[in-house]
C-alpha atoms as a PDB file:
ATOM      1  CA  UNK A   1     150.730 182.998  49.063  1.00  0.00           C
ATOM      2  CA  UNK A   2     150.995 179.853  51.172  1.00  0.00           C
ATOM      3  CA  UNK A   3     147.634 178.289  51.914  1.00  0.00           C
ATOM      4  CA  UNK A   4     146.091 179.504  48.643  1.00  0.00           C
ATOM      5  CA  UNK A   5     146.020 178.349  45.019  1.00  0.00           C
ATOM      6  CA  UNK A   6     144.559 178.803  41.539  1.00  0.00           C
ATOM      7  CA  UNK A   7     144.335 175.729  39.299  1.00  0.00           C
ATOM      8  CA  UNK A   8     143.518 177.428  35.982  1.00  0.00           C
ATOM      9  CA  UNK A   9     144.111 180.701  34.105  1.00  0.00           C
ATOM     10  CA  UNK A  10     141.867 183.308  35.766  1.00  0.00           C
ATOM     11  CA  UNK A  11     140.972 186.937  36.397  1.00  0.00           C
ATOM     12  CA  UNK A  12     140.507 186.464  40.149  1.00  0.00           C
ATOM     13  CA  UNK A  13     141.686 189.207  42.489  1.00  0.00           C
ATOM     14  CA  UNK A  14     142.399 186.701  45.242  1.00  0.00           C
ATOM     15  CA  UNK A  15     143.736 183.126  45.226  1.00  0.00           C
ATOM     16  CA  UNK A  16     141.504 180.382  46.589  1.00  0.00           C
ATOM     17  CA  UNK A  17     142.166 179.212  50.165  1.00  0.00           C
ATOM     18  CA  UNK A  18     143.416 175.614  50.329  1.00  0.00           C
ATOM     19  CA  UNK A  19     141.000 173.017  51.701  1.00  0.00           C
ATOM     20  CA  UNK A  20     141.615 171.948  55.284  1.00  0.00           C
ATOM     21  CA  UNK A  21     141.481 168.175  55.813  1.00  0.00           C
ATOM     22  CA  UNK A  22     139.695 168.422  59.171  1.00  0.00           C
ATOM     23  CA  UNK A  23     140.306 165.433  61.457  1.00  0.00           C
ATOM     24  CA  UNK A  24     136.952 166.269  63.029  1.00  0.00           C
ATOM     25  CA  UNK A  25     135.427 165.209  59.702  1.00  0.00           C
ATOM     26  CA  UNK A  26     137.522 162.014  59.719  1.00  0.00           C
ATOM     27  CA  UNK A  27     140.023 163.385  57.199  1.00  0.00           C
ATOM     28  CA  UNK A  28     143.769 163.645  56.676  1.00  0.00           C
ATOM     29  CA  UNK A  29     146.001 165.034  53.932  1.00  0.00           C
ATOM     30  CA  UNK A  30     146.645 162.741  50.998  1.00  0.00           C
ATOM     31  CA  UNK A  31     148.302 165.347  48.747  1.00  0.00           C
ATOM     32  CA  UNK A  32     149.316 168.786  50.136  1.00  0.00           C
ATOM     33  CA  UNK A  33     148.065 171.991  48.550  1.00  0.00           C
ATOM     34  CA  UNK A  34     150.345 173.695  46.001  1.00  0.00           C
ATOM     35  CA  UNK A  35     150.102 177.020  44.176  1.00  0.00           C
ATOM     36  CA  UNK A  36     148.369 175.255  41.272  1.00  0.00           C
ATOM     37  CA  UNK A  37     146.293 172.556  43.016  1.00  0.00           C
ATOM     38  CA  UNK A  38     144.075 172.190  46.061  1.00  0.00           C
ATOM     39  CA  UNK A  39     144.672 169.799  48.956  1.00  0.00           C
ATOM     40  CA  UNK A  40     143.481 166.220  48.372  1.00  0.00           C
ATOM     41  CA  UNK A  41     141.990 164.603  51.492  1.00  0.00           C
ATOM     42  CA  UNK A  42     141.492 160.922  52.410  1.00  0.00           C
ATOM     43  CA  UNK A  43     139.850 159.134  55.376  1.00  0.00           C
ATOM     44  CA  UNK A  44     141.751 158.628  58.603  1.00  0.00           C
ATOM     45  CA  UNK A  45     142.745 155.028  59.434  1.00  0.00           C
ATOM     46  CA  UNK A  46     139.623 153.180  60.551  1.00  0.00           C
ATOM     47  CA  UNK A  47     137.330 155.532  58.580  1.00  0.00           C
ATOM     48  CA  UNK A  48     135.700 155.314  55.174  1.00  0.00           C
ATOM     49  CA  UNK A  49     134.670 158.107  52.804  1.00  0.00           C
ATOM     50  CA  UNK A  50     130.954 158.962  52.649  1.00  0.00           C
ATOM     51  CA  UNK A  51     131.200 162.114  50.474  1.00  0.00           C
ATOM     52  CA  UNK A  52     133.790 163.114  47.889  1.00  0.00           C
ATOM     53  CA  UNK A  53     134.490 165.794  45.272  1.00  0.00           C
ATOM     54  CA  UNK A  54     136.673 164.623  42.438  1.00  0.00           C
ATOM     55  CA  UNK A  55     139.605 162.712  43.923  1.00  0.00           C
ATOM     56  CA  UNK A  56     139.252 164.298  47.372  1.00  0.00           C
ATOM     57  CA  UNK A  57     137.126 163.035  50.281  1.00  0.00           C
ATOM     58  CA  UNK A  58     134.904 165.653  52.011  1.00  0.00           C
ATOM     59  CA  UNK A  59     133.485 163.634  54.904  1.00  0.00           C
ATOM     60  CA  UNK A  60     134.479 160.271  56.417  1.00  0.00           C
ATOM     61  CA  UNK A  61     132.917 158.054  59.061  1.00  0.00           C
ATOM     62  CA  UNK A  62     134.443 155.483  61.403  1.00  0.00           C
ATOM     63  CA  UNK A  63     133.974 151.797  60.610  1.00  0.00           C
ATOM     64  CA  UNK A  64     131.227 150.363  62.764  1.00  0.00           C
ATOM     65  CA  UNK A  65     131.801 147.596  65.287  1.00  0.00           C
ATOM     66  CA  UNK A  66     129.805 144.392  65.200  1.00  0.00           C
ATOM     67  CA  UNK A  67     127.535 144.035  68.245  1.00  0.00           C
ATOM     68  CA  UNK A  68     126.821 140.771  70.052  1.00  0.00           C
ATOM     69  CA  UNK A  69     124.218 138.912  68.005  1.00  0.00           C
ATOM     70  CA  UNK A  70     125.378 140.482  64.724  1.00  0.00           C
ATOM     71  CA  UNK A  71     127.407 138.806  61.976  1.00  0.00           C
ATOM     72  CA  UNK A  72     130.077 140.167  59.684  1.00  0.00           C
ATOM     73  CA  UNK A  73     129.053 141.177  56.180  1.00  0.00           C
ATOM     74  CA  UNK A  74     130.605 139.539  53.124  1.00  0.00           C
ATOM     75  CA  UNK A  75     133.276 142.230  52.869  1.00  0.00           C
ATOM     76  CA  UNK A  76     134.240 142.180  56.546  1.00  0.00           C
ATOM     77  CA  UNK A  77     135.791 139.748  59.003  1.00  0.00           C
ATOM     78  CA  UNK A  78     135.702 139.700  62.773  1.00  0.00           C
ATOM     79  CA  UNK A  79     138.737 140.120  64.966  1.00  0.00           C
ATOM     80  CA  UNK A  80     137.836 140.434  68.644  1.00  0.00           C
ATOM     81  CA  UNK A  81     134.849 142.778  68.740  1.00  0.00           C
ATOM     82  CA  UNK A  82     135.862 144.589  65.562  1.00  0.00           C
ATOM     83  CA  UNK A  83     134.295 144.091  62.115  1.00  0.00           C
ATOM     84  CA  UNK A  84     137.274 144.759  59.835  1.00  0.00           C
ATOM     85  CA  UNK A  85     137.278 145.277  56.053  1.00  0.00           C
ATOM     86  CA  UNK A  86     138.668 142.256  54.222  1.00  0.00           C
ATOM     87  CA  UNK A  87     141.808 142.390  52.074  1.00  0.00           C
ATOM     88  CA  UNK A  88     141.259 141.837  48.355  1.00  0.00           C
ATOM     89  CA  UNK A  89     142.056 138.574  46.590  1.00  0.00           C
ATOM     90  CA  UNK A  90     145.809 138.451  45.910  1.00  0.00           C
ATOM     91  CA  UNK A  91     146.652 140.012  49.277  1.00  0.00           C
ATOM     92  CA  UNK A  92     146.582 139.258  52.994  1.00  0.00           C
ATOM     93  CA  UNK A  93     146.251 141.131  56.283  1.00  0.00           C
ATOM     94  CA  UNK A  94     149.304 143.016  57.501  1.00  0.00           C
ATOM     95  CA  UNK A  95     147.570 144.750  60.434  1.00  0.00           C
ATOM     96  CA  UNK A  96     144.026 144.193  61.666  1.00  0.00           C
ATOM     97  CA  UNK A  97     141.747 147.167  62.050  1.00  0.00           C
ATOM     98  CA  UNK A  98     140.907 148.734  65.390  1.00  0.00           C
ATOM     99  CA  UNK A  99     138.916 151.766  66.514  1.00  0.00           C
ATOM    100  CA  UNK A 100     141.646 154.052  65.182  1.00  0.00           C
ATOM    101  CA  UNK A 101     142.618 152.486  61.846  1.00  0.00           C
ATOM    102  CA  UNK A 102     141.319 150.256  59.048  1.00  0.00           C
ATOM    103  CA  UNK A 103     142.772 146.929  57.944  1.00  0.00           C
ATOM    104  CA  UNK A 104     146.147 147.211  56.182  1.00  0.00           C
ATOM    105  CA  UNK A 105     147.053 144.617  53.559  1.00  0.00           C
ATOM    106  CA  UNK A 106     150.114 143.240  51.758  1.00  0.00           C
ATOM    107  CA  UNK A 107     150.240 141.516  48.350  1.00  0.00           C
ATOM    108  CA  UNK A 108     150.951 137.790  48.310  1.00  0.00           C
ATOM    109  CA  UNK A 109     154.557 136.807  47.627  1.00  0.00           C
ATOM    110  CA  UNK A 110     155.576 134.560  44.718  1.00  0.00           C
ATOM    111  CA  UNK A 111     154.498 130.979  45.320  1.00  0.00           C
ATOM    112  CA  UNK A 112     151.465 132.008  47.397  1.00  0.00           C
ATOM    113  CA  UNK A 113     147.948 133.231  46.638  1.00  0.00           C
ATOM    114  CA  UNK A 114     144.523 134.191  47.991  1.00  0.00           C
ATOM    115  CA  UNK A 115     141.574 133.658  45.655  1.00  0.00           C
ATOM    116  CA  UNK A 116     138.930 135.634  47.569  1.00  0.00           C
ATOM    117  CA  UNK A 117     138.575 138.663  49.871  1.00  0.00           C
ATOM    118  CA  UNK A 118     139.924 137.553  53.229  1.00  0.00           C
ATOM    119  CA  UNK A 119     141.073 138.350  56.741  1.00  0.00           C
ATOM    120  CA  UNK A 120     144.025 135.924  56.648  1.00  0.00           C
ATOM    121  CA  UNK A 121     147.445 136.766  58.002  1.00  0.00           C
ATOM    122  CA  UNK A 122     149.174 134.411  55.562  1.00  0.00           C
ATOM    123  CA  UNK A 123     148.645 133.685  51.872  1.00  0.00           C
ATOM    124  CA  UNK A 124     148.114 130.069  50.810  1.00  0.00           C
ATOM    125  CA  UNK A 125     151.112 128.169  49.353  1.00  0.00           C
ATOM    126  CA  UNK A 126     150.648 127.288  45.669  1.00  0.00           C
ATOM    127  CA  UNK A 127     150.016 123.624  44.848  1.00  0.00           C
ATOM    128  CA  UNK A 128     152.999 121.667  43.494  1.00  0.00           C
ATOM    129  CA  UNK A 129     152.169 119.460  40.472  1.00  0.00           C
ATOM    130  CA  UNK A 130     154.509 116.630  41.506  1.00  0.00           C
ATOM    131  CA  UNK A 131     155.637 114.154  38.798  1.00  0.00           C
ATOM    132  CA  UNK A 132     155.711 111.398  41.447  1.00  0.00           C
ATOM    133  CA  UNK A 133     151.921 111.773  41.584  1.00  0.00           C
ATOM    134  CA  UNK A 134     151.758 111.651  37.779  1.00  0.00           C
ATOM    135  CA  UNK A 135     151.155 115.394  37.423  1.00  0.00           C
ATOM    136  CA  UNK A 136     152.379 118.371  35.421  1.00  0.00           C
ATOM    137  CA  UNK A 137     151.374 122.069  35.358  1.00  0.00           C
ATOM    138  CA  UNK A 138     148.263 122.959  33.369  1.00  0.00           C
ATOM    139  CA  UNK A 139     148.113 126.604  34.545  1.00  0.00           C
ATOM    140  CA  UNK A 140     150.668 128.469  36.644  1.00  0.00           C
ATOM    141  CA  UNK A 141     149.817 129.823  40.094  1.00  0.00           C
ATOM    142  CA  UNK A 142     149.098 133.571  40.313  1.00  0.00           C
ATOM    143  CA  UNK A 143     148.505 135.912  43.252  1.00  0.00           C
ATOM    144  CA  UNK A 144     144.740 135.318  42.894  1.00  0.00           C
ATOM    145  CA  UNK A 145     144.565 131.647  41.789  1.00  0.00           C
ATOM    146  CA  UNK A 146     146.182 128.329  42.658  1.00  0.00           C
ATOM    147  CA  UNK A 147     148.157 126.145  40.261  1.00  0.00           C
ATOM    148  CA  UNK A 148     146.076 123.849  38.050  1.00  0.00           C
ATOM    149  CA  UNK A 149     147.556 120.380  37.477  1.00  0.00           C
ATOM    150  CA  UNK A 150     146.921 117.797  34.747  1.00  0.00           C
ATOM    151  CA  UNK A 151     148.136 114.210  34.164  1.00  0.00           C
ATOM    152  CA  UNK A 152     151.465 113.466  32.511  1.00  0.00           C
ATOM    153  CA  UNK A 153     151.355 111.951  29.015  1.00  0.00           C
ATOM    154  CA  UNK A 154     150.056 108.358  29.127  1.00  0.00           C
ATOM    155  CA  UNK A 155     148.314 108.872  32.483  1.00  0.00           C
ATOM    156  CA  UNK A 156     144.755 109.668  33.503  1.00  0.00           C
ATOM    157  CA  UNK A 157     143.341 111.539  36.497  1.00  0.00           C
ATOM    158  CA  UNK A 158     141.939 109.385  39.321  1.00  0.00           C
ATOM    159  CA  UNK A 159     141.276 112.187  41.822  1.00  0.00           C
ATOM    160  CA  UNK A 160     140.588 115.848  41.154  1.00  0.00           C
ATOM    161  CA  UNK A 161     139.354 118.972  42.916  1.00  0.00           C
ATOM    162  CA  UNK A 162     137.529 121.486  40.776  1.00  0.00           C
ATOM    163  CA  UNK A 163     139.455 121.857  37.518  1.00  0.00           C
ATOM    164  CA  UNK A 164     142.745 120.546  38.945  1.00  0.00           C
ATOM    165  CA  UNK A 165     143.974 116.937  39.067  1.00  0.00           C
ATOM    166  CA  UNK A 166     145.447 115.766  42.385  1.00  0.00           C
ATOM    167  CA  UNK A 167     146.606 112.253  41.455  1.00  0.00           C
ATOM    168  CA  UNK A 168     147.012 110.347  38.176  1.00  0.00           C
ATOM    169  CA  UNK A 169     147.672 106.712  37.204  1.00  0.00           C
ATOM    170  CA  UNK A 170     149.226 105.161  34.118  1.00  0.00           C
ATOM    171  CA  UNK A 171     146.835 103.841  31.477  1.00  0.00           C
ATOM    172  CA  UNK A 172     146.560 100.054  31.681  1.00  0.00           C
ATOM    173  CA  UNK A 173     148.026  97.911  28.907  1.00  0.00           C
ATOM    174  CA  UNK A 174     145.860  95.327  27.192  1.00  0.00           C
ATOM    175  CA  UNK A 175     147.077  91.727  27.545  1.00  0.00           C
ATOM    176  CA  UNK A 176     147.983  89.507  24.577  1.00  0.00           C
ATOM    177  CA  UNK A 177     144.692  88.101  23.311  1.00  0.00           C
ATOM    178  CA  UNK A 178     142.999  91.488  23.857  1.00  0.00           C
ATOM    179  CA  UNK A 179     142.657  94.582  21.680  1.00  0.00           C
ATOM    180  CA  UNK A 180     142.293  98.285  22.600  1.00  0.00           C
ATOM    181  CA  UNK A 181     138.573  98.970  22.292  1.00  0.00           C
ATOM    182  CA  UNK A 182     138.821 102.533  23.687  1.00  0.00           C
ATOM    183  CA  UNK A 183     141.928 104.697  23.926  1.00  0.00           C
ATOM    184  CA  UNK A 184     142.700 106.194  27.322  1.00  0.00           C
ATOM    185  CA  UNK A 185     142.332 109.954  27.817  1.00  0.00           C
ATOM    186  CA  UNK A 186     143.433 112.418  30.502  1.00  0.00           C
ATOM    187  CA  UNK A 187     140.274 111.542  32.459  1.00  0.00           C
ATOM    188  CA  UNK A 188     139.561 107.888  31.515  1.00  0.00           C
ATOM    189  CA  UNK A 189     141.520 104.632  31.466  1.00  0.00           C
ATOM    190  CA  UNK A 190     142.161 102.441  28.404  1.00  0.00           C
ATOM    191  CA  UNK A 191     139.444  99.834  27.726  1.00  0.00           C
ATOM    192  CA  UNK A 192     140.340  96.325  26.507  1.00  0.00           C
ATOM    193  CA  UNK A 193     138.242  93.575  24.888  1.00  0.00           C
ATOM    194  CA  UNK A 194     138.962  89.881  24.161  1.00  0.00           C
ATOM    195  CA  UNK A 195     139.609  88.623  20.639  1.00  0.00           C
ATOM    196  CA  UNK A 196     137.052  86.266  19.108  1.00  0.00           C
ATOM    197  CA  UNK A 197     137.877  82.769  17.808  1.00  0.00           C
ATOM    198  CA  UNK A 198     140.072  82.743  14.711  1.00  0.00           C
ATOM    199  CA  UNK A 199     141.611  86.157  15.450  1.00  0.00           C
ATOM    200  CA  UNK A 200     144.566  87.427  17.480  1.00  0.00           C
ATOM    201  CA  UNK A 201     146.161  90.553  19.020  1.00  0.00           C
ATOM    202  CA  UNK A 202     149.404  91.087  20.919  1.00  0.00           C
ATOM    203  CA  UNK A 203     147.672  93.686  23.131  1.00  0.00           C
ATOM    204  CA  UNK A 204     148.675  96.765  21.131  1.00  0.00           C
ATOM    205  CA  UNK A 205     146.209  96.401  18.247  1.00  0.00           C
ATOM    206  CA  UNK A 206     143.015  98.431  17.984  1.00  0.00           C
ATOM    207  CA  UNK A 207     141.256  95.431  16.404  1.00  0.00           C
ATOM    208  CA  UNK A 208     141.944  91.700  16.341  1.00  0.00           C
ATOM    209  CA  UNK A 209     143.451  90.327  13.130  1.00  0.00           C
ATOM    210  CA  UNK A 210     142.354  87.053  11.436  1.00  0.00           C
ATOM    211  CA  UNK A 211     144.827  84.169  11.544  1.00  0.00           C
ATOM    212  CA  UNK A 212     146.811  83.630   8.342  1.00  0.00           C
ATOM    213  CA  UNK A 213     145.414  80.734   6.275  1.00  0.00           C
ATOM    214  CA  UNK A 214     148.599  78.920   5.259  1.00  0.00           C
ATOM    215  CA  UNK A 215     146.937  76.604   2.720  1.00  0.00           C
ATOM    216  CA  UNK A 216     145.606  79.596   0.772  1.00  0.00           C
ATOM    217  CA  UNK A 217     149.210  80.709   0.293  1.00  0.00           C
ATOM    218  CA  UNK A 218     150.276  77.207  -0.793  1.00  0.00           C
ATOM    219  CA  UNK A 219     152.246  76.926   2.428  1.00  0.00           C
ATOM    220  CA  UNK A 220     152.123  74.452   5.241  1.00  0.00           C
ATOM    221  CA  UNK A 221     151.171  75.435   8.797  1.00  0.00           C
ATOM    222  CA  UNK A 222     154.036  75.180  11.251  1.00  0.00           C
ATOM    223  CA  UNK A 223     152.353  76.644  14.359  1.00  0.00           C
ATOM    224  CA  UNK A 224     148.639  76.938  15.040  1.00  0.00           C
ATOM    225  CA  UNK A 225     147.386  80.488  15.654  1.00  0.00           C
ATOM    226  CA  UNK A 226     146.172  81.536  19.137  1.00  0.00           C
ATOM    227  CA  UNK A 227     144.307  84.569  20.477  1.00  0.00           C
ATOM    228  CA  UNK A 228     147.694  86.150  21.200  1.00  0.00           C
ATOM    229  CA  UNK A 229     149.688  85.177  18.098  1.00  0.00           C
ATOM    230  CA  UNK A 230     149.217  84.501  14.395  1.00  0.00           C
ATOM    231  CA  UNK A 231     149.607  81.095  12.760  1.00  0.00           C
ATOM    232  CA  UNK A 232     153.144  80.400  11.492  1.00  0.00           C
ATOM    233  CA  UNK A 233     153.534  79.161   7.902  1.00  0.00           C
ATOM    234  CA  UNK A 234     156.500  77.643   6.045  1.00  0.00           C
ATOM    235  CA  UNK A 235     157.467  76.205   2.677  1.00  0.00           C
ATOM    236  CA  UNK A 236     156.179  72.694   2.003  1.00  0.00           C
ATOM    237  CA  UNK A 237     159.095  70.343   2.912  1.00  0.00           C
ATOM    238  CA  UNK A 238     160.400  67.416   0.729  1.00  0.00           C
ATOM    239  CA  UNK A 239     159.949  64.060   2.562  1.00  0.00           C
ATOM    240  CA  UNK A 240     163.265  62.205   1.981  1.00  0.00           C
ATOM    241  CA  UNK A 241     162.148  59.014   3.693  1.00  0.00           C
ATOM    242  CA  UNK A 242     159.023  58.710   1.610  1.00  0.00           C
ATOM    243  CA  UNK A 243     160.979  59.469  -1.550  1.00  0.00           C
ATOM    244  CA  UNK A 244     163.626  56.801  -0.789  1.00  0.00           C
ATOM    245  CA  UNK A 245     160.958  54.289   0.157  1.00  0.00           C
ATOM    246  CA  UNK A 246     159.072  54.988  -3.057  1.00  0.00           C
ATOM    247  CA  UNK A 247     162.236  54.614  -5.141  1.00  0.00           C
ATOM    248  CA  UNK A 248     163.105  51.299  -3.471  1.00  0.00           C
ATOM    249  CA  UNK A 249     159.561  50.072  -4.059  1.00  0.00           C
ATOM    250  CA  UNK A 250     159.727  50.983  -7.730  1.00  0.00           C
ATOM    251  CA  UNK A 251     163.137  49.261  -8.063  1.00  0.00           C
ATOM    252  CA  UNK A 252     161.782  46.109  -6.433  1.00  0.00           C
ATOM    253  CA  UNK A 253     158.840  46.156  -8.792  1.00  0.00           C
ATOM    254  CA  UNK A 254     161.167  46.557 -11.784  1.00  0.00           C
ATOM    255  CA  UNK A 255     163.494  43.760 -10.653  1.00  0.00           C
ATOM    256  CA  UNK A 256     160.596  41.508  -9.735  1.00  0.00           C
ATOM    257  CA  UNK A 257     158.845  42.212 -13.009  1.00  0.00           C
ATOM    258  CA  UNK A 258     162.037  41.575 -14.945  1.00  0.00           C
ATOM    259  CA  UNK A 259     162.583  38.265 -13.162  1.00  0.00           C
ATOM    260  CA  UNK A 260     159.064  37.097 -13.874  1.00  0.00           C
ATOM    261  CA  UNK A 261     159.413  38.088 -17.522  1.00  0.00           C
ATOM    262  CA  UNK A 262     162.702  36.148 -17.786  1.00  0.00           C
ATOM    263  CA  UNK A 263     161.187  33.114 -16.177  1.00  0.00           C
ATOM    264  CA  UNK A 264     158.161  33.248 -18.471  1.00  0.00           C
ATOM    265  CA  UNK A 265     160.211  33.611 -21.623  1.00  0.00           C
ATOM    266  CA  UNK A 266     162.548  30.836 -20.621  1.00  0.00           C
ATOM    267  CA  UNK A 267     159.666  28.524 -19.912  1.00  0.00           C
ATOM    268  CA  UNK A 268     158.193  29.042 -23.360  1.00  0.00           C
ATOM    269  CA  UNK A 269     161.479  28.612 -25.219  1.00  0.00           C
ATOM    270  CA  UNK A 270     161.733  25.159 -27.121  1.00  0.00           C
ATOM    271  CA  UNK A 271     163.966  22.667 -25.449  1.00  0.00           C
ATOM    272  CA  UNK A 272     167.248  21.453 -27.178  1.00  0.00           C
ATOM    273  CA  UNK A 273     166.584  18.164 -29.214  1.00  0.00           C
ATOM    274  CA  UNK A 274     169.957  16.791 -28.459  1.00  0.00           C
END
C-alpha cells in the first residue's frame, strides 16, 4: 500500500511504514518512498545534518549566526550578520545563506577558477601567458588552479609569483671578444667573460680560441689577430721588384767583371813590333 515498503525478501505480515521527513526535525524529502525503498531525507535549506542512518538524515539543525565579537570559522564567510558555509574550490556563490537556507554554489565556467573554499560571487579569470611578455603555457588553467606560465625558448624569467612566471626577457648575447661562460636557463641570464691575450671569440663560442700562428704553417700573416677575430694568413708572395733589382745587379756585375777581364787581358798582351 502507499506509505509502506519492504526492501528485501521477507516473511513479514505487514509492510514497513515509510519514514516521514519531519520539517520540525529540519528535514525534507530527498528521494520519495517506493514499494521497495524507504524515504531518503536531507536537511532543509540553512540546516545541516547532525544524525544520519545510511544515506538518509534523521535530524538536522539550523546553521548558527555569528554574534558581534565572533569571527567566522575557516569554512564559513560572513554576509551581513550571517555566517555562511563557503563554496568549495572550483565553485562560487550563487545565493548567500540566510536564516532559511544554506549557501548555494555554482561551478566555475571555462577560463575561470577558485583555488580555495570561498564566499565569492565571481570566479577568478585565468591568467593569460602572453607571448608579448615572453611567456608560454606551462600548465593549463583548471576550475581549481590558475594557469602556470614559463618563458619562451631563449628567454629567462625576471619576475615570478609562486611557480608561475609573470615576465621574461631574452638572454643577452656576448659581444665579440667575449665567450659564453655560462649558458642561460629559464631562470638565469647568459654569463659572458672576456678573452685573454692571444685568443679570440666572435661572441658565440663557449671558450676563446688561440690565434692561428701563420709562420708555423709556412704562411705569412696578412692581418693581426684581435680578441674578436683570428689572424689572417696567406701564401708567401713573390717580390717582383726585388727579383728584377737582383737580376739587374747580377747583370751589372757580369758586364763589369767581363769589362775588367778584357781590359786586364789586353793590357798584358805583347805590343806589335812593327
